[in-house]
Amino acid sequence: MKFKIDIFNRARDAYAVGHEPEGRRLLSDIYWRTILVAALLILVCVFLYGTWVLMRVLDDLGATADVSAPPPPALSRAMLKEMVQGFEMRQSQFETMKKSPPAAIPDPSR
């Protein structure tokens, strides 16, 4: 038993008689089914991608941390001392400017 389904021939025939109501109905039916199939494929792809990302996250959560070597320190004493000196210098500049503020800027609109 052989099923004879000629989708392309039916679509070509429907397009040829597209100016008649039966042809328009068939074209709109093909268009609607194409949109539904495309939406279904998009939903399936989104679901599969979401599942894949979820599995990667869950695998990463179950992984053990590598504690064989301790991480290098974030700051060395020299860097920390340099930072503190920078803050102290800025604080002294602020205090100096607070005691003797700069001259007022004249208003250009007058």
Protein backbone atom coordinates (compact mmCIF):
# COMPACT_ATOMS: atom_id res chain seq x y z
CA MET A 1 0.00 0.00 0.00
CA LYS A 2 1.45 3.31 -1.06
CA PHE A 3 0.29 6.66 0.22
CA LYS A 4 0.36 9.30 -2.45
CA ILE A 5 0.93 12.65 -0.84
CA ASP A 6 2.14 15.30 -3.24
CA ILE A 7 2.53 18.34 -1.05
CA PHE A 8 4.52 20.32 -3.59
CA ASN A 9 2.09 19.58 -6.42
CA ARG A 10 -0.86 20.55 -4.22
CA ALA A 11 0.86 23.77 -3.19
CA ARG A 12 1.70 24.60 -6.82
CA ASP A 13 -1.90 23.93 -7.86
CA ALA A 14 -3.23 26.03 -4.95
CA TYR A 15 -0.87 28.88 -5.87
CA ALA A 16 -2.02 28.69 -9.49
CA VAL A 17 -5.66 29.08 -8.45
CA GLY A 18 -4.89 31.49 -5.59
CA HIS A 19 -7.36 34.06 -6.90
CA GLU A 20 -10.27 31.68 -6.22
CA PRO A 21 -11.67 31.14 -2.70
CA GLU A 22 -10.81 27.42 -2.63
CA GLY A 23 -7.22 28.17 -3.60
CA ARG A 24 -6.93 30.87 -0.96
CA ARG A 25 -8.32 28.54 1.67
CA LEU A 26 -5.78 25.89 0.76
CA LEU A 27 -2.93 28.44 0.71
CA SER A 28 -3.97 29.82 4.10
CA ASP A 29 -4.18 26.26 5.45
CA ILE A 30 -0.64 25.52 4.24
CA TYR A 31 0.58 28.83 5.67
CA TRP A 32 -1.08 28.19 9.06
CA ARG A 33 0.33 24.66 9.33
CA THR A 34 3.80 25.94 8.40
CA ILE A 35 3.62 28.54 11.17
CA LEU A 36 2.48 25.90 13.68
CA VAL A 37 5.27 23.50 12.73
CA ALA A 38 7.87 26.31 12.94
CA ALA A 39 6.56 27.34 16.38
CA LEU A 40 6.69 23.74 17.56
CA LEU A 41 10.28 23.35 16.34
CA ILE A 42 11.29 26.58 18.07
CA LEU A 43 9.68 25.44 21.34
CA VAL A 44 11.41 22.07 21.18
CA CYS A 45 14.79 23.73 20.48
CA VAL A 46 14.32 26.16 23.38
CA PHE A 47 13.36 23.32 25.72
CA LEU A 48 16.36 21.21 24.68
CA TYR A 49 18.76 24.15 25.02
CA GLY A 50 17.36 25.00 28.48
CA THR A 51 17.73 21.40 29.59
CA TRP A 52 21.31 21.31 28.28
CA VAL A 53 22.24 24.51 30.16
CA LEU A 54 20.57 23.22 33.34
CA MET A 55 22.53 19.96 33.14
CA ARG A 56 25.80 21.91 32.71
CA VAL A 57 25.02 24.02 35.77
CA LEU A 58 24.11 20.98 37.83
CA ASP A 59 27.32 19.23 36.75
CA ASP A 60 29.35 22.29 37.74
CA LEU A 61 27.70 22.32 41.17
CA GLY A 62 28.70 18.71 41.76
CA ALA A 63 32.34 19.29 40.77
CA THR A 64 34.92 19.38 43.54
CA ALA A 65 37.14 22.40 44.03
CA ASP A 66 40.86 22.07 43.37
CA VAL A 67 42.52 22.72 46.74
CA SER A 68 45.95 21.33 45.90
CA ALA A 69 47.58 24.78 45.75
CA PRO A 70 46.41 27.83 47.67
CA PRO A 71 45.58 30.85 45.53
CA PRO A 72 48.07 33.71 45.44
CA PRO A 73 47.33 36.58 47.80
CA ALA A 74 45.23 39.36 46.35
CA LEU A 75 47.46 42.12 47.75
CA SER A 76 51.06 42.16 48.84
CA ARG A 77 52.27 44.32 51.71
CA ALA A 78 53.99 46.73 49.31
CA MET A 79 50.82 47.22 47.26
CA LEU A 80 48.77 47.74 50.42
CA LYS A 81 51.25 50.28 51.78
CA GLU A 82 51.22 52.16 48.46
CA MET A 83 47.41 52.30 48.53
CA VAL A 84 47.29 53.61 52.09
CA GLN A 85 49.85 56.30 51.22
CA GLY A 86 47.72 57.35 48.23
CA PHE A 87 44.64 57.68 50.45
CA GLU A 88 46.57 59.69 53.03
CA MET A 89 47.88 62.02 50.31
CA ARG A 90 44.36 62.59 48.96
CA GLN A 91 43.07 63.23 52.47
CA SER A 92 45.75 65.86 53.07
CA GLN A 93 44.93 67.52 49.71
CA PHE A 94 41.25 67.57 50.67
CA GLU A 95 41.99 69.15 54.04
CA THR A 96 44.17 71.81 52.37
CA MET A 97 41.46 72.65 49.85
CA LYS A 98 38.84 72.74 52.61
CA LYS A 99 40.88 75.34 54.56
CA SER A 100 41.58 77.56 51.55
CA PRO A 101 38.96 76.98 48.84
CA PRO A 102 39.82 78.03 45.27
CA ALA A 103 38.60 81.39 43.98
CA ALA A 104 34.98 81.54 42.95
CA ILE A 105 34.33 81.15 39.23
CA PRO A 106 32.48 84.19 37.83
CA ASP A 107 29.04 83.58 36.36
CA PRO A 108 29.33 83.89 32.54
CA SER A 109 25.65 84.88 32.14
CA ARG A 110 26.19 88.26 33.83
